[in-house]
Amino acid sequence: MDYVVRAVRADEWPQARQLRLDALRDPVAPVAFLESYEDAVARPDAFWQERTAGAAESGGGRVRQFVAESPEGVWVGTATVLVESPEDDVSFGEAAVVDQAHLVGVFVRPEVRGTGVTDALFREAVAWAWSSSSPRLERVRLYVHEKNPRAAAFYRRFGFVPSGQRIPAPGGRGELEVEYVLGRDTP
């Protein structure tokens, strides 16, 4: 694999914005993301600047966005990690009952799916979660829509297992999001 996986930099907000807009145009976007393309494209530059700065390597904090970059400098994938504690406000899903990381915003361009890019993104994101945590994180979680079997298959192959927790999917259509977890000692 010739792609480099790294944390975003604060000044890369235009690339972060464009990759998010591209992700929201993907055919599975309605079951993979909480926002629509129309909502995202209408956001001002200041939103993207703040969002990227907060998830950048220099941002410190409890959020990190990783990107996979081709040798030509094209961003072909992304994953974001949120560190959560029981006392935090809930952004999506069930409230954290333990200190944990939450993977969100996963997207890999269709033309590079199956090339190892998603594996590399997940390895980097999970490694950051385990190494950056204070206090010690007990698990990494993510949610996958019940109608997104391709993503669920990848998560299982990576080592995530369904926790048994299911929540209503946004949109009020009676669909569900399934929580998957990866323990610290999972091979």
Protein backbone atom coordinates (compact mmCIF):
# COMPACT_ATOMS: atom_id res chain seq x y z
CA MET A 1 0.00 0.00 0.00
CA ASP A 2 1.46 3.33 -1.07
CA TYR A 3 -0.83 5.46 1.09
CA VAL A 4 0.29 7.41 4.14
CA VAL A 5 -2.09 7.48 7.11
CA ARG A 6 -1.68 10.50 9.36
CA ALA A 7 -3.53 13.00 11.51
CA VAL A 8 -4.95 16.06 9.79
CA ARG A 9 -3.34 19.45 10.22
CA ALA A 10 -5.39 22.51 11.15
CA ASP A 11 -4.64 24.32 7.90
CA GLU A 12 -6.01 21.41 5.86
CA TRP A 13 -9.62 22.34 6.48
CA PRO A 14 -10.41 22.77 2.74
CA GLN A 15 -9.31 19.16 2.08
CA ALA A 16 -11.19 17.92 5.17
CA ARG A 17 -14.31 19.74 3.98
CA GLN A 18 -14.04 18.32 0.45
CA LEU A 19 -13.51 14.75 1.67
CA ARG A 20 -16.55 15.03 3.95
CA LEU A 21 -18.67 16.38 1.09
CA ASP A 22 -17.48 13.52 -1.14
CA ALA A 23 -18.37 11.04 1.61
CA LEU A 24 -21.86 12.50 1.87
CA ARG A 25 -22.36 11.88 -1.87
CA ASP A 26 -21.54 8.16 -1.51
CA PRO A 27 -24.57 5.91 -2.18
CA VAL A 28 -24.49 4.53 1.40
CA ALA A 29 -24.23 8.00 3.00
CA PRO A 30 -27.86 7.99 4.23
CA VAL A 31 -27.12 4.96 6.44
CA ALA A 32 -23.51 5.85 7.26
CA PHE A 33 -23.60 9.51 8.32
CA LEU A 34 -25.79 11.68 10.52
CA GLU A 35 -25.78 14.73 8.27
CA SER A 36 -26.81 15.32 4.70
CA TYR A 37 -24.73 16.73 1.86
CA GLU A 38 -27.09 19.73 1.71
CA ASP A 39 -26.54 20.57 5.38
CA ALA A 40 -22.75 20.12 5.16
CA VAL A 41 -22.23 22.15 1.98
CA ALA A 42 -24.15 25.06 3.53
CA ARG A 43 -21.82 25.31 6.54
CA PRO A 44 -19.51 28.35 6.58
CA ASP A 45 -15.72 28.09 6.28
CA ALA A 46 -15.39 28.95 9.98
CA PHE A 47 -17.20 25.70 10.87
CA TRP A 48 -14.74 23.63 8.83
CA GLN A 49 -11.76 25.54 10.20
CA GLU A 50 -12.84 24.95 13.79
CA ARG A 51 -13.75 21.31 13.19
CA THR A 52 -10.43 20.53 11.53
CA ALA A 53 -8.37 22.43 14.10
CA GLY A 54 -10.09 20.53 16.91
CA ALA A 55 -9.30 17.17 15.32
CA ALA A 56 -5.76 18.03 14.21
CA GLU A 57 -2.58 16.63 15.68
CA SER A 58 -1.82 20.06 17.14
CA GLY A 59 -5.32 20.26 18.62
CA GLY A 60 -4.35 18.30 21.74
CA GLY A 61 -7.75 17.33 22.98
CA ARG A 62 -9.87 14.25 22.79
CA VAL A 63 -10.58 14.16 19.06
CA ARG A 64 -8.31 13.09 16.23
CA GLN A 65 -9.10 12.80 12.53
CA PHE A 66 -6.92 10.54 10.43
CA VAL A 67 -6.64 10.60 6.66
CA ALA A 68 -5.15 8.25 4.11
CA GLU A 69 -3.18 10.17 1.49
CA SER A 70 -1.96 8.91 -1.88
CA PRO A 71 1.61 9.56 -3.09
CA GLU A 72 0.09 12.33 -5.25
CA GLY A 73 -1.42 14.03 -2.17
CA VAL A 74 -5.03 12.92 -2.79
CA TRP A 75 -7.01 12.12 0.34
CA VAL A 76 -8.69 8.75 -0.20
CA GLY A 77 -10.09 7.97 3.24
CA THR A 78 -10.72 9.19 6.76
CA ALA A 79 -11.69 8.06 10.25
CA THR A 80 -12.17 10.16 13.37
CA VAL A 81 -11.73 9.10 17.00
CA LEU A 82 -13.61 10.71 19.90
CA VAL A 83 -12.50 9.94 23.46
CA GLU A 84 -15.57 9.59 25.71
CA SER A 85 -16.07 9.39 29.46
CA PRO A 86 -19.23 8.67 31.47
CA GLU A 87 -19.46 12.32 32.53
CA ASP A 88 -19.43 13.62 28.93
CA ASP A 89 -22.48 14.84 27.03
CA VAL A 90 -23.77 12.27 24.57
CA SER A 91 -23.15 13.19 20.94
CA PHE A 92 -24.53 9.97 19.43
CA GLY A 93 -25.59 6.60 20.74
CA GLU A 94 -25.82 5.57 24.35
CA ALA A 95 -23.95 7.45 27.06
CA ALA A 96 -20.50 6.08 27.81
CA VAL A 97 -20.50 3.83 30.87
CA VAL A 98 -16.70 3.45 30.80
CA ASP A 99 -13.82 5.49 29.45
CA GLN A 100 -13.77 4.63 25.77
CA ALA A 101 -13.05 5.82 22.26
CA HIS A 102 -15.72 6.17 19.59
CA LEU A 103 -14.87 5.83 15.88
CA VAL A 104 -16.97 8.05 13.63
CA GLY A 105 -16.92 9.57 10.16
CA VAL A 106 -15.36 6.54 8.48
CA PHE A 107 -15.11 6.89 4.70
CA VAL A 108 -12.90 5.37 2.03
CA ARG A 109 -13.29 6.30 -1.63
CA PRO A 110 -14.83 3.46 -3.67
CA GLU A 111 -11.84 3.18 -6.01
CA VAL A 112 -9.49 2.22 -3.14
CA ARG A 113 -11.80 -0.02 -1.13
CA GLY A 114 -10.29 -3.46 -0.69
CA THR A 115 -6.70 -2.19 -1.03
CA GLY A 116 -5.85 -2.06 2.67
CA VAL A 117 -6.61 1.65 3.16
CA THR A 118 -9.46 1.01 5.61
CA ASP A 119 -7.32 -1.42 7.61
CA ALA A 120 -4.51 1.15 7.80
CA LEU A 121 -6.90 3.90 8.91
CA PHE A 122 -8.35 1.67 11.62
CA ARG A 123 -4.93 0.52 12.84
CA GLU A 124 -3.81 4.14 13.20
CA ALA A 125 -7.06 5.32 14.80
CA VAL A 126 -7.22 2.46 17.30
CA ALA A 127 -3.51 2.77 18.13
CA TRP A 128 -3.98 6.48 18.83
CA ALA A 129 -7.00 5.74 21.03
CA TRP A 130 -5.08 3.24 23.15
CA SER A 131 -1.91 5.32 23.40
CA SER A 132 -3.45 8.74 23.98
CA SER A 133 -5.84 7.82 26.70
CA SER A 134 -5.72 9.16 30.17
CA PRO A 135 -7.35 7.59 32.05
CA ARG A 136 -6.95 4.19 30.47
CA LEU A 137 -9.63 3.46 27.90
CA GLU A 138 -11.45 0.17 28.26
CA ARG A 139 -12.79 -0.17 24.73
CA VAL A 140 -13.31 1.37 21.31
CA ARG A 141 -16.84 1.48 19.95
CA LEU A 142 -18.63 2.41 16.78
CA TYR A 143 -22.14 2.17 15.43
CA VAL A 144 -23.15 0.65 12.13
CA HIS A 145 -26.55 0.88 10.51
CA GLU A 146 -28.34 -2.45 10.22
CA LYS A 147 -28.57 -1.87 6.45
CA ASN A 148 -24.82 -1.42 5.97
CA PRO A 149 -23.56 -5.03 5.82
CA ARG A 150 -20.35 -4.13 3.96
CA ALA A 151 -19.22 -1.92 6.84
CA ALA A 152 -20.34 -4.44 9.46
CA ALA A 153 -18.33 -7.19 7.75
CA PHE A 154 -15.20 -5.05 7.79
CA TYR A 155 -15.64 -4.16 11.47
CA ARG A 156 -16.03 -7.84 12.39
CA ARG A 157 -12.96 -8.77 10.35
CA PHE A 158 -10.99 -6.06 12.17
CA GLY A 159 -12.00 -7.59 15.53
CA PHE A 160 -15.05 -5.58 16.57
CA VAL A 161 -17.97 -7.57 17.95
CA PRO A 162 -21.60 -6.58 18.44
CA SER A 163 -22.15 -5.49 22.05
CA GLY A 164 -25.85 -6.33 21.98
CA GLN A 165 -26.72 -2.64 22.21
CA ARG A 166 -29.04 -1.30 19.51
CA ILE A 167 -30.38 2.21 19.19
CA PRO A 168 -32.87 3.83 16.83
CA ALA A 169 -31.22 5.15 13.69
CA PRO A 170 -31.68 8.86 13.02
CA GLY A 171 -34.51 9.67 10.65
CA GLY A 172 -37.40 8.01 12.47
CA ARG A 173 -37.85 5.19 9.93
CA GLY A 174 -37.82 2.42 12.54
CA GLU A 175 -34.31 1.29 11.57
CA LEU A 176 -31.52 0.49 14.01
CA GLU A 177 -27.86 1.25 14.61
CA VAL A 178 -25.87 -1.64 16.09
CA GLU A 179 -23.03 -0.93 18.52
CA TYR A 180 -19.76 -2.79 17.90
CA VAL A 181 -16.90 -2.83 20.40
CA LEU A 182 -13.23 -3.69 20.44
CA GLY A 183 -11.64 -4.48 23.80
CA ARG A 184 -8.12 -3.46 24.69
CA ASP A 185 -6.98 -7.09 24.75
CA THR A 186 -8.61 -8.08 21.46
CA PRO A 187 -5.96 -9.52 19.12
